[in-house]
Every structure is written in C-alpha cells, then in structure tokens.
Amino acid sequence: MSAAPPASAAAPVNAPARRRRPVQRAVRWAGRRWSLTIGLAAVAALCCAALGAGWLAGQPPDVQHMDATLQPPFGRHLLGTDEYGRDVLSRMLFGARLTLLASTAAVLLAAVTGSALGLTTGYFGGAYDSLAGRMIDVLFAFPVVLLGIAIVAVLGPGEPSVVLAIAAASLPNFARVSRSAIIAEREREYVMAAHAIGAPVPYIIVRTLLPNLIGPLIVLVSLGFAYAVLYEASFSFLGLGAQPPTPEWGAIIAQARSYMVDAWWYPTFPGLAIFFAVLGFNLLGNAVRDAFDPRLRSVA
C-alpha cells in the first residue's frame, strides 16, 4: 500500500482557491446590487464630464452667438442655446466641473473638521464635550439656506462661501457619528493597553481609535456628496454661489426661469443633470453602506 501524501503537499493547490474566494464573494455581492452599478455609472459619467469638459464641449461656455439665440436642441447645438446664443451643453459640462470641485471641497472639509471634533469630544468628554455638543445642536437646528445667507453676508457671494456653508451644514453628521463610535471604543482593552504603555494621547486618537471610524466615515462621505451637489445648486440658484457668466447648474436654471415656456430645453437639461448626479451619489452611498453592514456581508 502506498503511503498517503503529506498534508503540506495539498496546501499549495488549495491556497490560490482560498485567495480567490474573497474576490469571488465581492464580485457576487456587487452583481446582486443594481444600485451599485447605476450609482457608479452616474458618478463616473459626472467625473468624465468634469475632467473632459474642455474636450467634450467643443467650444468655450461663454462664447455668444447672437444670431442663434434660444435654438432648440439636436441641431448645430446638441442641447440648444440660451438667450445669448451660448451652447447649453458646453455650459453644463463646465458646470459639472465646478459642481464636483465645490462638492468635493465641502465634503472633505466637513469630514476632517467634523471627525476631529467628534474624536476629541468623545475621548475627553466633560465640559468640552458639553460645549461642543451644544454647538453641534445649533448647527443641526439652523436651516442650511439661512446658514448660507449668513455666511454670504459676511464673506460675499461666491463658491468659497458656498463651500463653507455646505461644510458647516454637513459637519454635525460627521461629529455625531465619530463621537458615538469613540465613546463605544475608548474603554476597550486595546485602548487601555495603549494607556498602560504610556502612549501619548494624539497617538491613541489617531493610530488606535481613528482606524475604527474608516467604515462609517466612508459611508458618510459617499452620502454627503449627494447633499453637497443639491445644496451647491440651490445656493447658486438663489444667487449666493457662482455669479454670471460662470457656468453652474443652479445658476443656469435661475437664468432659464423666464424661458421655461418658449425654450423648454434651457432649464430641463441642467435640472436633469442635478437629478441624476444626486441619484447616482445616493445609490452609491447606499451600496457603500450595505458593504460595511456586517449583517449584509454575512448574507453575501
């Protein structure tokens, strides 16, 4: 009778299969979630439009053709022209760049400041936690539009004011989530061990506690983009953000209000762009939230 092969001989054969299993599970999980596919497609289209605006537009967004004002779409101008003969498609593409830049700056600013505030208040507690909590409650209760008007009254209209207003409105969500997570983690054994070996407080917060917040913060960031796009368009529609002739989706709709009956394409296409951008970020955010949900991961 021949001797059985040693157990170590089968390990190299099974190791690649074991390495492929997480990838296969991830592919199966993504394939069963249509929201991830649609959200990624919409966000990718927005990014391509923003990055390739100069190449896709074909002409500058501010060039006026007074002999081709309010031309309908599908002719020389694919999405028509406005009251000054400017190409609507070109202005929308360059508006996507401005919207994406402003939304990214606002969400990152809110994520950094809100997470830092939540980390420190949750770790130290006491009077500092109470004072910061009341400030966050004020921001939660303050309407976003009024907050934007107040900031614009101090700094003047423009995209920097809009970025600060959106960041201030989004900051409480990051602060609340990070504070709750830190309160649950600060009494764990690994934090006590870091204290026991004399690790400094900044090291404990940044290197020990912060990695446990990566999942919830990624979910908040992905969902925060949807609100940032909507707020940015709303502020520009009210005249608080981008000023003419800067192409921006909300500002284009504001200018098109007087031509809604005679030139339906003028406000319709920028409105659809805002709709699909917000929908895409919402679907992507929901998919990311499901990915970090341990209950759904166990099912997948």
C-alpha atoms as a PDB file:
ATOM      1  CA  MET A   1       0.000   0.000   0.000  1.00  0.00           C
ATOM      2  CA  SER A   2       1.376   3.387  -0.999  1.00  0.00           C
ATOM      3  CA  ALA A   3       1.872   5.999   1.662  1.00  0.00           C
ATOM      4  CA  ALA A   4      -0.575   8.927   1.786  1.00  0.00           C
ATOM      5  CA  PRO A   5       0.876  12.253   0.608  1.00  0.00           C
ATOM      6  CA  PRO A   6       1.749  14.654   3.386  1.00  0.00           C
ATOM      7  CA  ALA A   7      -0.839  17.284   4.277  1.00  0.00           C
ATOM      8  CA  SER A   8       1.568  20.068   3.350  1.00  0.00           C
ATOM      9  CA  ALA A   9       1.570  18.922  -0.282  1.00  0.00           C
ATOM     10  CA  ALA A  10      -2.086  19.888  -0.743  1.00  0.00           C
ATOM     11  CA  ALA A  11      -1.608  23.361   0.688  1.00  0.00           C
ATOM     12  CA  PRO A  12      -0.118  24.978  -2.448  1.00  0.00           C
ATOM     13  CA  VAL A  13      -3.010  23.610  -4.516  1.00  0.00           C
ATOM     14  CA  ASN A  14      -5.717  24.978  -2.220  1.00  0.00           C
ATOM     15  CA  ALA A  15      -4.018  28.286  -1.404  1.00  0.00           C
ATOM     16  CA  PRO A  16      -4.909  30.030  -4.735  1.00  0.00           C
ATOM     17  CA  ALA A  17      -8.508  28.884  -4.354  1.00  0.00           C
ATOM     18  CA  ARG A  18      -8.653  30.320  -0.851  1.00  0.00           C
ATOM     19  CA  ARG A  19      -7.201  33.587  -2.107  1.00  0.00           C
ATOM     20  CA  ARG A  20      -9.833  33.767  -4.844  1.00  0.00           C
ATOM     21  CA  ARG A  21     -12.784  33.277  -2.506  1.00  0.00           C
ATOM     22  CA  PRO A  22     -12.915  36.859  -1.131  1.00  0.00           C
ATOM     23  CA  VAL A  23     -12.710  38.225  -4.669  1.00  0.00           C
ATOM     24  CA  GLN A  24     -15.458  35.910  -5.870  1.00  0.00           C
ATOM     25  CA  ARG A  25     -17.671  36.847  -2.936  1.00  0.00           C
ATOM     26  CA  ALA A  26     -17.106  40.544  -3.652  1.00  0.00           C
ATOM     27  CA  VAL A  27     -17.991  40.059  -7.331  1.00  0.00           C
ATOM     28  CA  ARG A  28     -21.141  38.127  -6.433  1.00  0.00           C
ATOM     29  CA  TRP A  29     -22.122  40.784  -3.895  1.00  0.00           C
ATOM     30  CA  ALA A  30     -21.663  43.615  -6.407  1.00  0.00           C
ATOM     31  CA  GLY A  31     -23.521  41.733  -9.121  1.00  0.00           C
ATOM     32  CA  ARG A  32     -26.602  41.357  -6.930  1.00  0.00           C
ATOM     33  CA  ARG A  33     -26.825  45.078  -6.165  1.00  0.00           C
ATOM     34  CA  TRP A  34     -28.090  47.113  -9.082  1.00  0.00           C
ATOM     35  CA  SER A  35     -27.819  50.326  -7.039  1.00  0.00           C
ATOM     36  CA  LEU A  36     -24.041  49.977  -7.015  1.00  0.00           C
ATOM     37  CA  THR A  37     -23.898  49.610 -10.798  1.00  0.00           C
ATOM     38  CA  ILE A  38     -26.201  52.547 -11.506  1.00  0.00           C
ATOM     39  CA  GLY A  39     -24.563  54.739  -8.871  1.00  0.00           C
ATOM     40  CA  LEU A  40     -21.070  54.024 -10.153  1.00  0.00           C
ATOM     41  CA  ALA A  41     -22.180  54.697 -13.735  1.00  0.00           C
ATOM     42  CA  ALA A  42     -23.751  58.048 -12.829  1.00  0.00           C
ATOM     43  CA  VAL A  43     -20.774  59.174 -10.723  1.00  0.00           C
ATOM     44  CA  ALA A  44     -18.316  58.032 -13.395  1.00  0.00           C
ATOM     45  CA  ALA A  45     -20.253  59.986 -16.032  1.00  0.00           C
ATOM     46  CA  LEU A  46     -20.134  63.099 -13.846  1.00  0.00           C
ATOM     47  CA  CYS A  47     -16.392  62.729 -13.292  1.00  0.00           C
ATOM     48  CA  CYS A  48     -15.757  62.182 -17.013  1.00  0.00           C
ATOM     49  CA  ALA A  49     -17.838  65.250 -17.872  1.00  0.00           C
ATOM     50  CA  ALA A  50     -15.958  67.357 -15.335  1.00  0.00           C
ATOM     51  CA  LEU A  51     -12.484  66.156 -16.298  1.00  0.00           C
ATOM     52  CA  GLY A  52     -13.080  66.193 -20.043  1.00  0.00           C
ATOM     53  CA  ALA A  53     -15.200  69.338 -20.283  1.00  0.00           C
ATOM     54  CA  GLY A  54     -12.682  71.168 -22.443  1.00  0.00           C
ATOM     55  CA  TRP A  55     -12.510  68.300 -24.922  1.00  0.00           C
ATOM     56  CA  LEU A  56     -16.173  67.263 -24.913  1.00  0.00           C
ATOM     57  CA  ALA A  57     -17.657  70.754 -25.127  1.00  0.00           C
ATOM     58  CA  GLY A  58     -16.153  71.671 -28.458  1.00  0.00           C
ATOM     59  CA  GLN A  59     -16.408  75.397 -27.724  1.00  0.00           C
ATOM     60  CA  PRO A  60     -15.957  77.710 -24.741  1.00  0.00           C
ATOM     61  CA  PRO A  61     -19.003  78.057 -22.490  1.00  0.00           C
ATOM     62  CA  ASP A  62     -19.083  81.886 -22.661  1.00  0.00           C
ATOM     63  CA  VAL A  63     -18.915  82.389 -26.448  1.00  0.00           C
ATOM     64  CA  GLN A  64     -22.046  84.269 -27.543  1.00  0.00           C
ATOM     65  CA  HIS A  65     -23.792  83.789 -30.880  1.00  0.00           C
ATOM     66  CA  MET A  66     -26.487  86.448 -31.031  1.00  0.00           C
ATOM     67  CA  ASP A  67     -27.741  85.084 -34.347  1.00  0.00           C
ATOM     68  CA  ALA A  68     -28.507  81.700 -32.715  1.00  0.00           C
ATOM     69  CA  THR A  69     -30.316  82.613 -29.512  1.00  0.00           C
ATOM     70  CA  LEU A  70     -32.675  80.057 -27.940  1.00  0.00           C
ATOM     71  CA  GLN A  71     -32.065  77.498 -30.645  1.00  0.00           C
ATOM     72  CA  PRO A  72     -33.725  74.113 -29.993  1.00  0.00           C
ATOM     73  CA  PRO A  73     -31.578  71.024 -29.397  1.00  0.00           C
ATOM     74  CA  PHE A  74     -30.424  68.373 -31.866  1.00  0.00           C
ATOM     75  CA  GLY A  75     -29.299  70.872 -34.455  1.00  0.00           C
ATOM     76  CA  ARG A  76     -25.933  72.592 -34.594  1.00  0.00           C
ATOM     77  CA  HIS A  77     -26.057  72.703 -30.788  1.00  0.00           C
ATOM     78  CA  LEU A  78     -26.842  69.294 -29.316  1.00  0.00           C
ATOM     79  CA  LEU A  79     -28.701  70.633 -26.248  1.00  0.00           C
ATOM     80  CA  GLY A  80     -29.723  74.001 -27.695  1.00  0.00           C
ATOM     81  CA  THR A  81     -28.610  77.505 -26.805  1.00  0.00           C
ATOM     82  CA  ASP A  82     -29.548  80.110 -24.214  1.00  0.00           C
ATOM     83  CA  GLU A  83     -30.720  83.708 -24.586  1.00  0.00           C
ATOM     84  CA  TYR A  84     -27.210  84.813 -25.537  1.00  0.00           C
ATOM     85  CA  GLY A  85     -26.621  82.032 -28.048  1.00  0.00           C
ATOM     86  CA  ARG A  86     -24.261  80.154 -25.730  1.00  0.00           C
ATOM     87  CA  ASP A  87     -24.141  76.394 -26.085  1.00  0.00           C
ATOM     88  CA  VAL A  88     -26.091  74.745 -23.239  1.00  0.00           C
ATOM     89  CA  LEU A  89     -24.090  71.507 -23.452  1.00  0.00           C
ATOM     90  CA  SER A  90     -20.807  73.368 -23.102  1.00  0.00           C
ATOM     91  CA  ARG A  91     -22.063  75.292 -20.090  1.00  0.00           C
ATOM     92  CA  MET A  92     -23.378  72.113 -18.479  1.00  0.00           C
ATOM     93  CA  LEU A  93     -20.068  70.300 -18.931  1.00  0.00           C
ATOM     94  CA  PHE A  94     -18.078  73.123 -17.387  1.00  0.00           C
ATOM     95  CA  GLY A  95     -20.754  73.433 -14.708  1.00  0.00           C
ATOM     96  CA  ALA A  96     -20.158  69.772 -13.818  1.00  0.00           C
ATOM     97  CA  ARG A  97     -16.511  70.609 -13.144  1.00  0.00           C
ATOM     98  CA  LEU A  98     -17.466  73.456 -10.806  1.00  0.00           C
ATOM     99  CA  THR A  99     -20.099  71.354  -9.041  1.00  0.00           C
ATOM    100  CA  LEU A 100     -17.724  68.452  -8.494  1.00  0.00           C
ATOM    101  CA  LEU A 101     -14.906  70.665  -7.208  1.00  0.00           C
ATOM    102  CA  ALA A 102     -17.155  72.570  -4.804  1.00  0.00           C
ATOM    103  CA  SER A 103     -18.842  69.395  -3.530  1.00  0.00           C
ATOM    104  CA  THR A 104     -15.515  67.627  -3.006  1.00  0.00           C
ATOM    105  CA  ALA A 105     -14.041  70.571  -1.113  1.00  0.00           C
ATOM    106  CA  ALA A 106     -17.133  70.915   1.086  1.00  0.00           C
ATOM    107  CA  VAL A 107     -17.386  67.204   1.941  1.00  0.00           C
ATOM    108  CA  LEU A 108     -13.674  66.861   2.697  1.00  0.00           C
ATOM    109  CA  LEU A 109     -13.705  69.971   4.877  1.00  0.00           C
ATOM    110  CA  ALA A 110     -16.737  68.702   6.783  1.00  0.00           C
ATOM    111  CA  ALA A 111     -15.241  65.218   7.146  1.00  0.00           C
ATOM    112  CA  VAL A 112     -11.910  66.438   8.504  1.00  0.00           C
ATOM    113  CA  THR A 113     -13.252  69.060  10.912  1.00  0.00           C
ATOM    114  CA  GLY A 114     -16.301  67.055  11.993  1.00  0.00           C
ATOM    115  CA  SER A 115     -14.330  63.872  12.605  1.00  0.00           C
ATOM    116  CA  ALA A 116     -11.645  65.733  14.543  1.00  0.00           C
ATOM    117  CA  LEU A 117     -14.306  67.382  16.701  1.00  0.00           C
ATOM    118  CA  GLY A 118     -16.115  64.099  17.322  1.00  0.00           C
ATOM    119  CA  LEU A 119     -12.896  62.243  18.126  1.00  0.00           C
ATOM    120  CA  THR A 120     -11.725  64.770  20.690  1.00  0.00           C
ATOM    121  CA  THR A 121     -15.109  65.305  22.346  1.00  0.00           C
ATOM    122  CA  GLY A 122     -15.760  61.585  22.596  1.00  0.00           C
ATOM    123  CA  TYR A 123     -12.319  60.898  24.019  1.00  0.00           C
ATOM    124  CA  PHE A 124     -12.026  63.727  26.547  1.00  0.00           C
ATOM    125  CA  GLY A 125     -15.693  64.244  27.470  1.00  0.00           C
ATOM    126  CA  GLY A 126     -16.501  66.621  30.313  1.00  0.00           C
ATOM    127  CA  ALA A 127     -17.197  70.308  29.813  1.00  0.00           C
ATOM    128  CA  TYR A 128     -15.523  70.298  26.415  1.00  0.00           C
ATOM    129  CA  ASP A 129     -17.925  67.597  25.231  1.00  0.00           C
ATOM    130  CA  SER A 130     -20.939  69.511  26.569  1.00  0.00           C
ATOM    131  CA  LEU A 131     -19.901  72.800  24.951  1.00  0.00           C
ATOM    132  CA  ALA A 132     -19.145  71.176  21.596  1.00  0.00           C
ATOM    133  CA  GLY A 133     -22.413  69.249  21.782  1.00  0.00           C
ATOM    134  CA  ARG A 134     -24.414  72.457  22.178  1.00  0.00           C
ATOM    135  CA  MET A 135     -22.625  73.996  19.203  1.00  0.00           C
ATOM    136  CA  ILE A 136     -23.419  70.955  17.102  1.00  0.00           C
ATOM    137  CA  ASP A 137     -27.067  71.146  18.181  1.00  0.00           C
ATOM    138  CA  VAL A 138     -27.184  74.757  16.985  1.00  0.00           C
ATOM    139  CA  LEU A 139     -25.808  73.748  13.594  1.00  0.00           C
ATOM    140  CA  PHE A 140     -28.351  70.929  13.374  1.00  0.00           C
ATOM    141  CA  ALA A 141     -31.214  73.323  14.127  1.00  0.00           C
ATOM    142  CA  PHE A 142     -30.024  76.061  11.769  1.00  0.00           C
ATOM    143  CA  PRO A 143     -31.598  75.829   8.285  1.00  0.00           C
ATOM    144  CA  VAL A 144     -28.996  75.300   5.589  1.00  0.00           C
ATOM    145  CA  VAL A 145     -30.235  78.143   3.392  1.00  0.00           C
ATOM    146  CA  LEU A 146     -30.194  80.631   6.260  1.00  0.00           C
ATOM    147  CA  LEU A 147     -26.727  79.457   7.200  1.00  0.00           C
ATOM    148  CA  GLY A 148     -25.595  80.064   3.635  1.00  0.00           C
ATOM    149  CA  ILE A 149     -27.153  83.534   3.607  1.00  0.00           C
ATOM    150  CA  ALA A 150     -25.379  84.395   6.868  1.00  0.00           C
ATOM    151  CA  ILE A 151     -22.008  83.250   5.538  1.00  0.00           C
ATOM    152  CA  VAL A 152     -22.512  85.085   2.244  1.00  0.00           C
ATOM    153  CA  ALA A 153     -23.444  88.247   4.167  1.00  0.00           C
ATOM    154  CA  VAL A 154     -20.031  88.098   5.854  1.00  0.00           C
ATOM    155  CA  LEU A 155     -17.803  86.816   3.047  1.00  0.00           C
ATOM    156  CA  GLY A 156     -19.754  87.880  -0.033  1.00  0.00           C
ATOM    157  CA  PRO A 157     -21.273  85.668  -2.753  1.00  0.00           C
ATOM    158  CA  GLY A 158     -19.131  83.088  -4.479  1.00  0.00           C
ATOM    159  CA  GLU A 159     -18.088  79.463  -4.404  1.00  0.00           C
ATOM    160  CA  PRO A 160     -15.862  79.788  -1.281  1.00  0.00           C
ATOM    161  CA  SER A 161     -18.879  80.957   0.709  1.00  0.00           C
ATOM    162  CA  VAL A 162     -20.959  78.084  -0.638  1.00  0.00           C
ATOM    163  CA  VAL A 163     -18.252  75.551   0.256  1.00  0.00           C
ATOM    164  CA  LEU A 164     -18.114  76.866   3.832  1.00  0.00           C
ATOM    165  CA  ALA A 165     -21.908  76.809   4.142  1.00  0.00           C
ATOM    166  CA  ILE A 166     -22.183  73.219   2.899  1.00  0.00           C
ATOM    167  CA  ALA A 167     -19.301  72.122   5.127  1.00  0.00           C
ATOM    168  CA  ALA A 168     -20.894  73.771   8.168  1.00  0.00           C
ATOM    169  CA  ALA A 169     -24.213  72.073   7.414  1.00  0.00           C
ATOM    170  CA  SER A 170     -22.571  68.641   6.978  1.00  0.00           C
ATOM    171  CA  LEU A 171     -20.139  68.887   9.899  1.00  0.00           C
ATOM    172  CA  PRO A 172     -22.632  67.814  12.639  1.00  0.00           C
ATOM    173  CA  ASN A 173     -23.235  64.436  10.966  1.00  0.00           C
ATOM    174  CA  PHE A 174     -19.529  63.586  10.974  1.00  0.00           C
ATOM    175  CA  ALA A 175     -19.112  64.859  14.535  1.00  0.00           C
ATOM    176  CA  ARG A 176     -22.045  62.847  15.896  1.00  0.00           C
ATOM    177  CA  VAL A 177     -21.035  59.587  14.206  1.00  0.00           C
ATOM    178  CA  SER A 178     -17.365  59.830  15.189  1.00  0.00           C
ATOM    179  CA  ARG A 179     -18.202  60.821  18.774  1.00  0.00           C
ATOM    180  CA  SER A 180     -20.585  57.870  19.201  1.00  0.00           C
ATOM    181  CA  ALA A 181     -18.019  55.442  17.817  1.00  0.00           C
ATOM    182  CA  ILE A 182     -15.238  56.745  20.067  1.00  0.00           C
ATOM    183  CA  ILE A 183     -17.384  56.558  23.201  1.00  0.00           C
ATOM    184  CA  ALA A 184     -18.002  52.891  22.420  1.00  0.00           C
ATOM    185  CA  GLU A 185     -14.312  52.190  21.751  1.00  0.00           C
ATOM    186  CA  ARG A 186     -12.414  54.198  24.341  1.00  0.00           C
ATOM    187  CA  GLU A 187     -12.965  51.643  27.135  1.00  0.00           C
ATOM    188  CA  ARG A 188     -11.801  48.654  25.093  1.00  0.00           C
ATOM    189  CA  GLU A 189      -8.789  46.584  26.094  1.00  0.00           C
ATOM    190  CA  TYR A 190      -6.516  47.778  23.298  1.00  0.00           C
ATOM    191  CA  VAL A 191      -7.068  51.415  24.334  1.00  0.00           C
ATOM    192  CA  MET A 192      -6.336  50.527  27.954  1.00  0.00           C
ATOM    193  CA  ALA A 193      -3.188  48.752  26.819  1.00  0.00           C
ATOM    194  CA  ALA A 194      -2.064  51.846  24.918  1.00  0.00           C
ATOM    195  CA  HIS A 195      -2.573  53.893  28.085  1.00  0.00           C
ATOM    196  CA  ALA A 196      -0.656  51.314  30.124  1.00  0.00           C
ATOM    197  CA  ILE A 197       2.450  51.512  27.946  1.00  0.00           C
ATOM    198  CA  GLY A 198       2.432  55.313  28.153  1.00  0.00           C
ATOM    199  CA  ALA A 199       1.341  56.123  24.597  1.00  0.00           C
ATOM    200  CA  PRO A 200       0.598  59.840  24.106  1.00  0.00           C
ATOM    201  CA  VAL A 201      -2.990  60.958  23.611  1.00  0.00           C
ATOM    202  CA  PRO A 202      -2.549  62.069  19.948  1.00  0.00           C
ATOM    203  CA  TYR A 203      -1.103  58.645  19.140  1.00  0.00           C
ATOM    204  CA  ILE A 204      -4.046  56.878  20.812  1.00  0.00           C
ATOM    205  CA  ILE A 205      -6.602  59.000  18.966  1.00  0.00           C
ATOM    206  CA  VAL A 206      -5.001  58.925  15.524  1.00  0.00           C
ATOM    207  CA  ARG A 207      -3.331  55.499  15.388  1.00  0.00           C
ATOM    208  CA  THR A 208      -5.588  53.479  17.698  1.00  0.00           C
ATOM    209  CA  LEU A 209      -9.115  54.907  17.571  1.00  0.00           C
ATOM    210  CA  LEU A 210      -9.313  56.580  14.151  1.00  0.00           C
ATOM    211  CA  PRO A 211      -8.912  53.355  12.087  1.00  0.00           C
ATOM    212  CA  ASN A 212     -12.151  52.072  13.637  1.00  0.00           C
ATOM    213  CA  LEU A 213     -14.010  55.016  12.089  1.00  0.00           C
ATOM    214  CA  ILE A 214     -12.925  54.462   8.492  1.00  0.00           C
ATOM    215  CA  GLY A 215     -16.001  52.445   7.559  1.00  0.00           C
ATOM    216  CA  PRO A 216     -18.667  54.817   8.915  1.00  0.00           C
ATOM    217  CA  LEU A 217     -16.781  57.850   7.584  1.00  0.00           C
ATOM    218  CA  ILE A 218     -16.611  56.413   4.064  1.00  0.00           C
ATOM    219  CA  VAL A 219     -20.369  55.874   4.157  1.00  0.00           C
ATOM    220  CA  LEU A 220     -20.975  59.447   5.331  1.00  0.00           C
ATOM    221  CA  VAL A 221     -18.664  60.863   2.677  1.00  0.00           C
ATOM    222  CA  SER A 222     -20.374  58.966  -0.130  1.00  0.00           C
ATOM    223  CA  LEU A 223     -23.827  60.060   1.035  1.00  0.00           C
ATOM    224  CA  GLY A 224     -22.610  63.592   1.762  1.00  0.00           C
ATOM    225  CA  PHE A 225     -21.777  64.165  -1.899  1.00  0.00           C
ATOM    226  CA  ALA A 226     -25.456  63.907  -2.830  1.00  0.00           C
ATOM    227  CA  TYR A 227     -26.416  66.644  -0.364  1.00  0.00           C
ATOM    228  CA  ALA A 228     -23.434  68.748  -1.391  1.00  0.00           C
ATOM    229  CA  VAL A 229     -24.445  68.696  -5.077  1.00  0.00           C
ATOM    230  CA  LEU A 230     -28.014  69.613  -4.194  1.00  0.00           C
ATOM    231  CA  TYR A 231     -27.020  72.401  -1.787  1.00  0.00           C
ATOM    232  CA  GLU A 232     -24.460  73.812  -4.197  1.00  0.00           C
ATOM    233  CA  ALA A 233     -27.050  74.040  -6.978  1.00  0.00           C
ATOM    234  CA  SER A 234     -29.598  75.560  -4.572  1.00  0.00           C
ATOM    235  CA  PHE A 235     -27.230  78.284  -3.395  1.00  0.00           C
ATOM    236  CA  SER A 236     -26.265  79.161  -6.951  1.00  0.00           C
ATOM    237  CA  PHE A 237     -29.941  79.241  -7.930  1.00  0.00           C
ATOM    238  CA  LEU A 238     -30.540  81.801  -5.183  1.00  0.00           C
ATOM    239  CA  GLY A 239     -27.592  83.901  -6.372  1.00  0.00           C
ATOM    240  CA  LEU A 240     -25.355  83.064  -3.412  1.00  0.00           C
ATOM    241  CA  GLY A 241     -22.837  80.920  -5.280  1.00  0.00           C
ATOM    242  CA  ALA A 242     -21.389  81.169  -8.763  1.00  0.00           C
ATOM    243  CA  GLN A 243     -22.011  84.555 -10.353  1.00  0.00           C
ATOM    244  CA  PRO A 244     -22.755  85.134 -14.059  1.00  0.00           C
ATOM    245  CA  PRO A 245     -21.311  84.388 -16.516  1.00  0.00           C
ATOM    246  CA  THR A 246     -19.742  81.449 -14.632  1.00  0.00           C
ATOM    247  CA  PRO A 247     -21.457  78.241 -15.826  1.00  0.00           C
ATOM    248  CA  GLU A 248     -23.072  76.370 -12.950  1.00  0.00           C
ATOM    249  CA  TRP A 249     -26.141  74.143 -12.984  1.00  0.00           C
ATOM    250  CA  GLY A 250     -28.170  76.043 -10.392  1.00  0.00           C
ATOM    251  CA  ALA A 251     -27.254  79.412 -11.898  1.00  0.00           C
ATOM    252  CA  ILE A 252     -28.247  78.185 -15.382  1.00  0.00           C
ATOM    253  CA  ILE A 253     -31.683  77.140 -14.099  1.00  0.00           C
ATOM    254  CA  ALA A 254     -32.089  80.517 -12.385  1.00  0.00           C
ATOM    255  CA  GLN A 255     -31.363  82.321 -15.663  1.00  0.00           C
ATOM    256  CA  ALA A 256     -33.727  79.994 -17.562  1.00  0.00           C
ATOM    257  CA  ARG A 257     -36.786  80.694 -15.415  1.00  0.00           C
ATOM    258  CA  SER A 258     -38.059  83.338 -17.815  1.00  0.00           C
ATOM    259  CA  TYR A 259     -37.805  80.982 -20.796  1.00  0.00           C
ATOM    260  CA  MET A 260     -39.421  77.814 -19.442  1.00  0.00           C
ATOM    261  CA  VAL A 261     -42.365  78.014 -21.877  1.00  0.00           C
ATOM    262  CA  ASP A 262     -40.591  79.165 -25.038  1.00  0.00           C
ATOM    263  CA  ALA A 263     -37.337  77.212 -24.502  1.00  0.00           C
ATOM    264  CA  TRP A 264     -38.127  74.072 -22.509  1.00  0.00           C
ATOM    265  CA  TRP A 265     -34.634  72.636 -23.053  1.00  0.00           C
ATOM    266  CA  TYR A 266     -32.923  75.543 -21.336  1.00  0.00           C
ATOM    267  CA  PRO A 267     -33.876  74.642 -17.723  1.00  0.00           C
ATOM    268  CA  THR A 268     -34.673  70.968 -18.373  1.00  0.00           C
ATOM    269  CA  PHE A 269     -31.217  69.600 -19.147  1.00  0.00           C
ATOM    270  CA  PRO A 270     -29.422  71.253 -16.189  1.00  0.00           C
ATOM    271  CA  GLY A 271     -32.247  70.061 -13.934  1.00  0.00           C
ATOM    272  CA  LEU A 272     -31.838  66.507 -15.217  1.00  0.00           C
ATOM    273  CA  ALA A 273     -28.094  66.737 -14.631  1.00  0.00           C
ATOM    274  CA  ILE A 274     -28.685  67.670 -10.981  1.00  0.00           C
ATOM    275  CA  PHE A 275     -31.259  64.890 -10.622  1.00  0.00           C
ATOM    276  CA  PHE A 276     -29.015  62.151 -11.999  1.00  0.00           C
ATOM    277  CA  ALA A 277     -25.971  63.391 -10.073  1.00  0.00           C
ATOM    278  CA  VAL A 278     -27.856  63.342  -6.758  1.00  0.00           C
ATOM    279  CA  LEU A 279     -29.443  59.988  -7.595  1.00  0.00           C
ATOM    280  CA  GLY A 280     -26.077  58.492  -8.514  1.00  0.00           C
ATOM    281  CA  PHE A 281     -24.386  59.614  -5.303  1.00  0.00           C
ATOM    282  CA  ASN A 282     -27.359  58.403  -3.239  1.00  0.00           C
ATOM    283  CA  LEU A 283     -27.328  54.967  -4.850  1.00  0.00           C
ATOM    284  CA  LEU A 284     -23.569  54.717  -4.486  1.00  0.00           C
ATOM    285  CA  GLY A 285     -23.788  55.790  -0.851  1.00  0.00           C
ATOM    286  CA  ASN A 286     -26.454  53.179  -0.133  1.00  0.00           C
ATOM    287  CA  ALA A 287     -24.304  50.492  -1.760  1.00  0.00           C
ATOM    288  CA  VAL A 288     -21.276  51.542   0.305  1.00  0.00           C
ATOM    289  CA  ARG A 289     -23.404  51.475   3.456  1.00  0.00           C
ATOM    290  CA  ASP A 290     -24.534  47.929   2.624  1.00  0.00           C
ATOM    291  CA  ALA A 291     -20.929  46.910   2.022  1.00  0.00           C
ATOM    292  CA  PHE A 292     -19.931  47.977   5.540  1.00  0.00           C
ATOM    293  CA  ASP A 293     -23.014  46.385   7.159  1.00  0.00           C
ATOM    294  CA  PRO A 294     -21.815  43.132   8.792  1.00  0.00           C
ATOM    295  CA  ARG A 295     -25.283  41.599   8.597  1.00  0.00           C
ATOM    296  CA  LEU A 296     -25.407  42.027   4.820  1.00  0.00           C
ATOM    297  CA  ARG A 297     -21.794  40.875   4.430  1.00  0.00           C
ATOM    298  CA  SER A 298     -22.609  37.653   6.256  1.00  0.00           C
ATOM    299  CA  VAL A 299     -25.561  37.027   3.937  1.00  0.00           C
ATOM    300  CA  ALA A 300     -23.375  37.631   0.847  1.00  0.00           C
END
